[in-house]
Amino acid sequence: MRIIDNKQRINSLLIETGFQSYFSHDISKIVELIYAENGEILIEEGTPSNYLYYIVQGQCRYYTVTADGTYISFG
């Protein structure tokens, strides 16, 4: 993962996606634009995340692990 330092692009995405409308305060100062490679793990089960991810391009697949160790895909 890498952080893309482009405030103009962030502001543009906030407008295009309507993400700002989910919050009652201005989030433009705390939002970061992150690029993740295909297959990169964003969050692992049981590990707290430092981020709230909002996917604006591409796709995300998520899994859970059952008690017997089987992976179940939801996306």
PDB file of N, CA and C in Angstrom:
ATOM      1  N   MET A   1       0.838  -1.172   0.000  1.00  0.00           N
ATOM      2  CA  MET A   1       0.000   0.000   0.000  1.00  0.00           C
ATOM      3  C   MET A   1       0.880   1.231   0.000  1.00  0.00           C
ATOM      4  N   ARG A   2       0.426   2.238  -0.712  1.00  0.00           N
ATOM      5  CA  ARG A   2       1.149   3.506  -0.658  1.00  0.00           C
ATOM      6  C   ARG A   2       0.151   4.649  -0.621  1.00  0.00           C
ATOM      7  N   ILE A   3       0.539   5.704   0.051  1.00  0.00           N
ATOM      8  CA  ILE A   3      -0.299   6.887   0.170  1.00  0.00           C
ATOM      9  C   ILE A   3       0.024   7.819  -0.986  1.00  0.00           C
ATOM     10  N   ILE A   4      -1.030   8.306  -1.656  1.00  0.00           N
ATOM     11  CA  ILE A   4      -0.870   9.234  -2.766  1.00  0.00           C
ATOM     12  C   ILE A   4      -1.196  10.628  -2.234  1.00  0.00           C
ATOM     13  N   ASP A   5      -0.202  11.489  -2.210  1.00  0.00           N
ATOM     14  CA  ASP A   5      -0.350  12.837  -1.649  1.00  0.00           C
ATOM     15  C   ASP A   5      -0.842  13.785  -2.739  1.00  0.00           C
ATOM     16  N   ASN A   6      -2.178  13.838  -2.921  1.00  0.00           N
ATOM     17  CA  ASN A   6      -2.767  14.678  -3.958  1.00  0.00           C
ATOM     18  C   ASN A   6      -4.109  15.201  -3.440  1.00  0.00           C
ATOM     19  N   LYS A   7      -4.070  16.330  -2.731  1.00  0.00           N
ATOM     20  CA  LYS A   7      -5.275  16.892  -2.105  1.00  0.00           C
ATOM     21  C   LYS A   7      -6.341  17.237  -3.145  1.00  0.00           C
ATOM     22  N   GLN A   8      -5.920  17.692  -4.323  1.00  0.00           N
ATOM     23  CA  GLN A   8      -6.888  18.027  -5.372  1.00  0.00           C
ATOM     24  C   GLN A   8      -7.656  16.780  -5.800  1.00  0.00           C
ATOM     25  N   ARG A   9      -6.975  15.671  -5.963  1.00  0.00           N
ATOM     26  CA  ARG A   9      -7.629  14.408  -6.346  1.00  0.00           C
ATOM     27  C   ARG A   9      -8.547  13.923  -5.229  1.00  0.00           C
ATOM     28  N   ILE A  10      -8.111  14.050  -3.984  1.00  0.00           N
ATOM     29  CA  ILE A  10      -8.942  13.646  -2.844  1.00  0.00           C
ATOM     30  C   ILE A  10     -10.241  14.456  -2.836  1.00  0.00           C
ATOM     31  N   ASN A  11     -10.134  15.767  -2.962  1.00  0.00           N
ATOM     32  CA  ASN A  11     -11.324  16.621  -2.969  1.00  0.00           C
ATOM     33  C   ASN A  11     -12.247  16.276  -4.133  1.00  0.00           C
ATOM     34  N   SER A  12     -11.668  15.989  -5.278  1.00  0.00           N
ATOM     35  CA  SER A  12     -12.450  15.592  -6.446  1.00  0.00           C
ATOM     36  C   SER A  12     -13.201  14.285  -6.185  1.00  0.00           C
ATOM     37  N   LEU A  13     -12.527  13.319  -5.581  1.00  0.00           N
ATOM     38  CA  LEU A  13     -13.163  12.031  -5.270  1.00  0.00           C
ATOM     39  C   LEU A  13     -14.252  12.177  -4.205  1.00  0.00           C
ATOM     40  N   LEU A  14     -14.037  13.051  -3.233  1.00  0.00           N
ATOM     41  CA  LEU A  14     -15.063  13.291  -2.213  1.00  0.00           C
ATOM     42  C   LEU A  14     -16.343  13.813  -2.856  1.00  0.00           C
ATOM     43  N   ILE A  15     -16.199  14.668  -3.858  1.00  0.00           N
ATOM     44  CA  ILE A  15     -17.359  15.212  -4.562  1.00  0.00           C
ATOM     45  C   ILE A  15     -17.989  14.151  -5.470  1.00  0.00           C
ATOM     46  N   GLU A  16     -17.154  13.483  -6.279  1.00  0.00           N
ATOM     47  CA  GLU A  16     -17.653  12.489  -7.241  1.00  0.00           C
ATOM     48  C   GLU A  16     -18.382  11.323  -6.574  1.00  0.00           C
ATOM     49  N   THR A  17     -17.867  10.848  -5.463  1.00  0.00           N
ATOM     50  CA  THR A  17     -18.428   9.654  -4.816  1.00  0.00           C
ATOM     51  C   THR A  17     -19.510   9.967  -3.792  1.00  0.00           C
ATOM     52  N   GLY A  18     -19.570  11.214  -3.337  1.00  0.00           N
ATOM     53  CA  GLY A  18     -20.535  11.574  -2.302  1.00  0.00           C
ATOM     54  C   GLY A  18     -20.141  11.070  -0.917  1.00  0.00           C
ATOM     55  N   PHE A  19     -18.897  10.645  -0.748  1.00  0.00           N
ATOM     56  CA  PHE A  19     -18.432  10.083   0.525  1.00  0.00           C
ATOM     57  C   PHE A  19     -18.590  11.072   1.678  1.00  0.00           C
ATOM     58  N   GLN A  20     -18.362  12.354   1.404  1.00  0.00           N
ATOM     59  CA  GLN A  20     -18.483  13.381   2.437  1.00  0.00           C
ATOM     60  C   GLN A  20     -19.881  13.393   3.054  1.00  0.00           C
ATOM     61  N   SER A  21     -20.902  13.019   2.287  1.00  0.00           N
ATOM     62  CA  SER A  21     -22.288  13.086   2.768  1.00  0.00           C
ATOM     63  C   SER A  21     -22.571  12.110   3.916  1.00  0.00           C
ATOM     64  N   TYR A  22     -21.679  11.151   4.149  1.00  0.00           N
ATOM     65  CA  TYR A  22     -21.857  10.212   5.255  1.00  0.00           C
ATOM     66  C   TYR A  22     -21.448  10.816   6.606  1.00  0.00           C
ATOM     67  N   PHE A  23     -20.857  12.005   6.583  1.00  0.00           N
ATOM     68  CA  PHE A  23     -20.320  12.619   7.795  1.00  0.00           C
ATOM     69  C   PHE A  23     -20.934  13.995   8.024  1.00  0.00           C
ATOM     70  N   SER A  24     -21.046  14.386   9.283  1.00  0.00           N
ATOM     71  CA  SER A  24     -21.632  15.686   9.621  1.00  0.00           C
ATOM     72  C   SER A  24     -20.572  16.783   9.693  1.00  0.00           C
ATOM     73  N   HIS A  25     -19.313  16.433   9.576  1.00  0.00           N
ATOM     74  CA  HIS A  25     -18.234  17.419   9.612  1.00  0.00           C
ATOM     75  C   HIS A  25     -17.343  17.243   8.384  1.00  0.00           C
ATOM     76  N   ASP A  26     -16.516  18.228   8.105  1.00  0.00           N
ATOM     77  CA  ASP A  26     -15.618  18.193   6.947  1.00  0.00           C
ATOM     78  C   ASP A  26     -14.510  17.168   7.179  1.00  0.00           C
ATOM     79  N   ILE A  27     -14.442  16.161   6.322  1.00  0.00           N
ATOM     80  CA  ILE A  27     -13.423  15.119   6.482  1.00  0.00           C
ATOM     81  C   ILE A  27     -12.228  15.298   5.547  1.00  0.00           C
ATOM     82  N   SER A  28     -12.251  16.336   4.722  1.00  0.00           N
ATOM     83  CA  SER A  28     -11.205  16.508   3.714  1.00  0.00           C
ATOM     84  C   SER A  28      -9.797  16.620   4.309  1.00  0.00           C
ATOM     85  N   LYS A  29      -9.704  17.076   5.556  1.00  0.00           N
ATOM     86  CA  LYS A  29      -8.385  17.239   6.196  1.00  0.00           C
ATOM     87  C   LYS A  29      -7.812  15.931   6.741  1.00  0.00           C
ATOM     88  N   ILE A  30      -8.668  14.924   6.922  1.00  0.00           N
ATOM     89  CA  ILE A  30      -8.190  13.673   7.512  1.00  0.00           C
ATOM     90  C   ILE A  30      -8.214  12.487   6.543  1.00  0.00           C
ATOM     91  N   VAL A  31      -8.743  12.698   5.341  1.00  0.00           N
ATOM     92  CA  VAL A  31      -8.841  11.619   4.357  1.00  0.00           C
ATOM     93  C   VAL A  31      -7.493  11.422   3.677  1.00  0.00           C
ATOM     94  N   GLU A  32      -7.133  10.161   3.444  1.00  0.00           N
ATOM     95  CA  GLU A  32      -5.928   9.829   2.694  1.00  0.00           C
ATOM     96  C   GLU A  32      -6.327   8.976   1.496  1.00  0.00           C
ATOM     97  N   LEU A  33      -5.637   9.185   0.385  1.00  0.00           N
ATOM     98  CA  LEU A  33      -5.849   8.377  -0.807  1.00  0.00           C
ATOM     99  C   LEU A  33      -4.772   7.302  -0.816  1.00  0.00           C
ATOM    100  N   ILE A  34      -5.214   6.053  -0.819  1.00  0.00           N
ATOM    101  CA  ILE A  34      -4.286   4.929  -0.724  1.00  0.00           C
ATOM    102  C   ILE A  34      -4.406   4.057  -1.963  1.00  0.00           C
ATOM    103  N   TYR A  35      -3.274   3.643  -2.505  1.00  0.00           N
ATOM    104  CA  TYR A  35      -3.238   2.737  -3.646  1.00  0.00           C
ATOM    105  C   TYR A  35      -2.785   1.369  -3.137  1.00  0.00           C
ATOM    106  N   ALA A  36      -3.571   0.358  -3.445  1.00  0.00           N
ATOM    107  CA  ALA A  36      -3.223  -1.011  -3.053  1.00  0.00           C
ATOM    108  C   ALA A  36      -3.040  -1.850  -4.307  1.00  0.00           C
ATOM    109  N   GLU A  37      -2.044  -2.669  -4.310  1.00  0.00           N
ATOM    110  CA  GLU A  37      -1.776  -3.583  -5.429  1.00  0.00           C
ATOM    111  C   GLU A  37      -2.797  -4.718  -5.434  1.00  0.00           C
ATOM    112  N   ASN A  38      -3.002  -5.294  -6.592  1.00  0.00           N
ATOM    113  CA  ASN A  38      -3.864  -6.459  -6.732  1.00  0.00           C
ATOM    114  C   ASN A  38      -3.361  -7.581  -5.817  1.00  0.00           C
ATOM    115  N   GLY A  39      -4.263  -8.148  -5.032  1.00  0.00           N
ATOM    116  CA  GLY A  39      -3.899  -9.242  -4.131  1.00  0.00           C
ATOM    117  C   GLY A  39      -3.368  -8.808  -2.781  1.00  0.00           C
ATOM    118  N   GLU A  40      -3.200  -7.531  -2.579  1.00  0.00           N
ATOM    119  CA  GLU A  40      -2.669  -7.030  -1.308  1.00  0.00           C
ATOM    120  C   GLU A  40      -3.734  -7.138  -0.217  1.00  0.00           C
ATOM    121  N   ILE A  41      -3.333  -7.552   0.964  1.00  0.00           N
ATOM    122  CA  ILE A  41      -4.246  -7.686   2.100  1.00  0.00           C
ATOM    123  C   ILE A  41      -4.349  -6.340   2.809  1.00  0.00           C
ATOM    124  N   LEU A  42      -5.584  -5.853   2.961  1.00  0.00           N
ATOM    125  CA  LEU A  42      -5.811  -4.569   3.628  1.00  0.00           C
ATOM    126  C   LEU A  42      -6.015  -4.746   5.127  1.00  0.00           C
ATOM    127  N   ILE A  43      -6.818  -5.744   5.491  1.00  0.00           N
ATOM    128  CA  ILE A  43      -7.139  -5.992   6.899  1.00  0.00           C
ATOM    129  C   ILE A  43      -7.136  -7.498   7.120  1.00  0.00           C
ATOM    130  N   GLU A  44      -6.556  -7.936   8.222  1.00  0.00           N
ATOM    131  CA  GLU A  44      -6.596  -9.352   8.576  1.00  0.00           C
ATOM    132  C   GLU A  44      -7.565  -9.558   9.735  1.00  0.00           C
ATOM    133  N   GLU A  45      -8.285 -10.659   9.667  1.00  0.00           N
ATOM    134  CA  GLU A  45      -9.259 -10.972  10.703  1.00  0.00           C
ATOM    135  C   GLU A  45      -8.596 -10.989  12.074  1.00  0.00           C
ATOM    136  N   GLY A  46      -9.248 -10.354  13.035  1.00  0.00           N
ATOM    137  CA  GLY A  46      -8.739 -10.316  14.395  1.00  0.00           C
ATOM    138  C   GLY A  46      -7.752  -9.192  14.657  1.00  0.00           C
ATOM    139  N   THR A  47      -7.397  -8.426  13.611  1.00  0.00           N
ATOM    140  CA  THR A  47      -6.462  -7.317  13.759  1.00  0.00           C
ATOM    141  C   THR A  47      -7.197  -6.006  13.513  1.00  0.00           C
ATOM    142  N   PRO A  48      -7.197  -5.097  14.473  1.00  0.00           N
ATOM    143  CA  PRO A  48      -7.889  -3.823  14.260  1.00  0.00           C
ATOM    144  C   PRO A  48      -7.248  -3.043  13.108  1.00  0.00           C
ATOM    145  N   SER A  49      -8.063  -2.335  12.368  1.00  0.00           N
ATOM    146  CA  SER A  49      -7.570  -1.524  11.257  1.00  0.00           C
ATOM    147  C   SER A  49      -7.399  -0.079  11.705  1.00  0.00           C
ATOM    148  N   ASN A  50      -6.395   0.573  11.179  1.00  0.00           N
ATOM    149  CA  ASN A  50      -6.192   1.998  11.438  1.00  0.00           C
ATOM    150  C   ASN A  50      -7.003   2.858  10.479  1.00  0.00           C
ATOM    151  N   TYR A  51      -7.658   2.227   9.514  1.00  0.00           N
ATOM    152  CA  TYR A  51      -8.366   2.950   8.474  1.00  0.00           C
ATOM    153  C   TYR A  51      -9.802   2.472   8.314  1.00  0.00           C
ATOM    154  N   LEU A  52     -10.630   3.356   7.788  1.00  0.00           N
ATOM    155  CA  LEU A  52     -11.939   3.018   7.262  1.00  0.00           C
ATOM    156  C   LEU A  52     -11.758   3.099   5.752  1.00  0.00           C
ATOM    157  N   TYR A  53     -11.815   1.976   5.070  1.00  0.00           N
ATOM    158  CA  TYR A  53     -11.576   1.951   3.631  1.00  0.00           C
ATOM    159  C   TYR A  53     -12.865   2.212   2.865  1.00  0.00           C
ATOM    160  N   TYR A  54     -12.761   3.044   1.842  1.00  0.00           N
ATOM    161  CA  TYR A  54     -13.865   3.333   0.929  1.00  0.00           C
ATOM    162  C   TYR A  54     -13.290   3.124  -0.463  1.00  0.00           C
ATOM    163  N   ILE A  55     -13.692   2.056  -1.116  1.00  0.00           N
ATOM    164  CA  ILE A  55     -13.124   1.679  -2.418  1.00  0.00           C
ATOM    165  C   ILE A  55     -13.737   2.556  -3.500  1.00  0.00           C
ATOM    166  N   VAL A  56     -12.900   3.314  -4.225  1.00  0.00           N
ATOM    167  CA  VAL A  56     -13.407   4.193  -5.278  1.00  0.00           C
ATOM    168  C   VAL A  56     -13.105   3.648  -6.676  1.00  0.00           C
ATOM    169  N   GLN A  57     -12.193   2.700  -6.757  1.00  0.00           N
ATOM    170  CA  GLN A  57     -11.874   2.096  -8.050  1.00  0.00           C
ATOM    171  C   GLN A  57     -11.366   0.690  -7.801  1.00  0.00           C
ATOM    172  N   GLY A  58     -11.757  -0.234  -8.669  1.00  0.00           N
ATOM    173  CA  GLY A  58     -11.327  -1.612  -8.521  1.00  0.00           C
ATOM    174  C   GLY A  58     -12.333  -2.399  -7.708  1.00  0.00           C
ATOM    175  N   GLN A  59     -11.880  -3.477  -7.133  1.00  0.00           N
ATOM    176  CA  GLN A  59     -12.766  -4.298  -6.340  1.00  0.00           C
ATOM    177  C   GLN A  59     -12.028  -4.883  -5.153  1.00  0.00           C
ATOM    178  N   CYS A  60     -12.808  -5.309  -4.200  1.00  0.00           N
ATOM    179  CA  CYS A  60     -12.259  -5.843  -2.965  1.00  0.00           C
ATOM    180  C   CYS A  60     -12.950  -7.161  -2.662  1.00  0.00           C
ATOM    181  N   ARG A  61     -12.208  -8.124  -2.259  1.00  0.00           N
ATOM    182  CA  ARG A  61     -12.762  -9.422  -1.890  1.00  0.00           C
ATOM    183  C   ARG A  61     -12.512  -9.628  -0.412  1.00  0.00           C
ATOM    184  N   TYR A  62     -13.502 -10.148   0.276  1.00  0.00           N
ATOM    185  CA  TYR A  62     -13.292 -10.379   1.703  1.00  0.00           C
ATOM    186  C   TYR A  62     -13.660 -11.809   2.072  1.00  0.00           C
ATOM    187  N   TYR A  63     -12.947 -12.307   3.066  1.00  0.00           N
ATOM    188  CA  TYR A  63     -13.054 -13.694   3.494  1.00  0.00           C
ATOM    189  C   TYR A  63     -13.259 -13.756   4.996  1.00  0.00           C
ATOM    190  N   THR A  64     -13.773 -14.874   5.432  1.00  0.00           N
ATOM    191  CA  THR A  64     -13.786 -15.196   6.853  1.00  0.00           C
ATOM    192  C   THR A  64     -13.309 -16.633   6.987  1.00  0.00           C
ATOM    193  N   VAL A  65     -12.840 -16.963   8.151  1.00  0.00           N
ATOM    194  CA  VAL A  65     -12.352 -18.313   8.405  1.00  0.00           C
ATOM    195  C   VAL A  65     -13.278 -18.967   9.421  1.00  0.00           C
ATOM    196  N   THR A  66     -13.769 -20.158   9.082  1.00  0.00           N
ATOM    197  CA  THR A  66     -14.659 -20.884   9.989  1.00  0.00           C
ATOM    198  C   THR A  66     -13.858 -21.546  11.099  1.00  0.00           C
ATOM    199  N   ALA A  67     -14.550 -22.097  12.075  1.00  0.00           N
ATOM    200  CA  ALA A  67     -13.899 -22.752  13.203  1.00  0.00           C
ATOM    201  C   ALA A  67     -13.005 -23.913  12.765  1.00  0.00           C
ATOM    202  N   ASP A  68     -13.356 -24.565  11.635  1.00  0.00           N
ATOM    203  CA  ASP A  68     -12.542 -25.703  11.170  1.00  0.00           C
ATOM    204  C   ASP A  68     -11.429 -25.267  10.211  1.00  0.00           C
ATOM    205  N   GLY A  69     -11.247 -23.920  10.038  1.00  0.00           N
ATOM    206  CA  GLY A  69     -10.146 -23.423   9.221  1.00  0.00           C
ATOM    207  C   GLY A  69     -10.485 -23.235   7.749  1.00  0.00           C
ATOM    208  N   THR A  70     -11.732 -23.399   7.367  1.00  0.00           N
ATOM    209  CA  THR A  70     -12.146 -23.225   5.971  1.00  0.00           C
ATOM    210  C   THR A  70     -12.350 -21.740   5.672  1.00  0.00           C
ATOM    211  N   TYR A  71     -11.846 -21.290   4.496  1.00  0.00           N
ATOM    212  CA  TYR A  71     -12.052 -19.919   4.078  1.00  0.00           C
ATOM    213  C   TYR A  71     -13.373 -19.807   3.325  1.00  0.00           C
ATOM    214  N   ILE A  72     -14.142 -18.766   3.637  1.00  0.00           N
ATOM    215  CA  ILE A  72     -15.386 -18.487   2.936  1.00  0.00           C
ATOM    216  C   ILE A  72     -15.259 -17.095   2.331  1.00  0.00           C
ATOM    217  N   SER A  73     -15.444 -16.991   1.014  1.00  0.00           N
ATOM    218  CA  SER A  73     -15.350 -15.717   0.312  1.00  0.00           C
ATOM    219  C   SER A  73     -16.723 -15.069   0.203  1.00  0.00           C
ATOM    220  N   PHE A  74     -16.772 -13.742   0.419  1.00  0.00           N
ATOM    221  CA  PHE A  74     -18.018 -13.002   0.330  1.00  0.00           C
ATOM    222  C   PHE A  74     -18.016 -11.988  -0.793  1.00  0.00           C
ATOM    223  N   GLY A  75     -16.961 -11.877  -1.519  1.00  0.00           N
ATOM    224  CA  GLY A  75     -16.939 -10.833  -2.555  1.00  0.00           C
ATOM    225  C   GLY A  75     -16.114 -11.197  -3.739  1.00  0.00           C
TER     226      GLY A  75
END
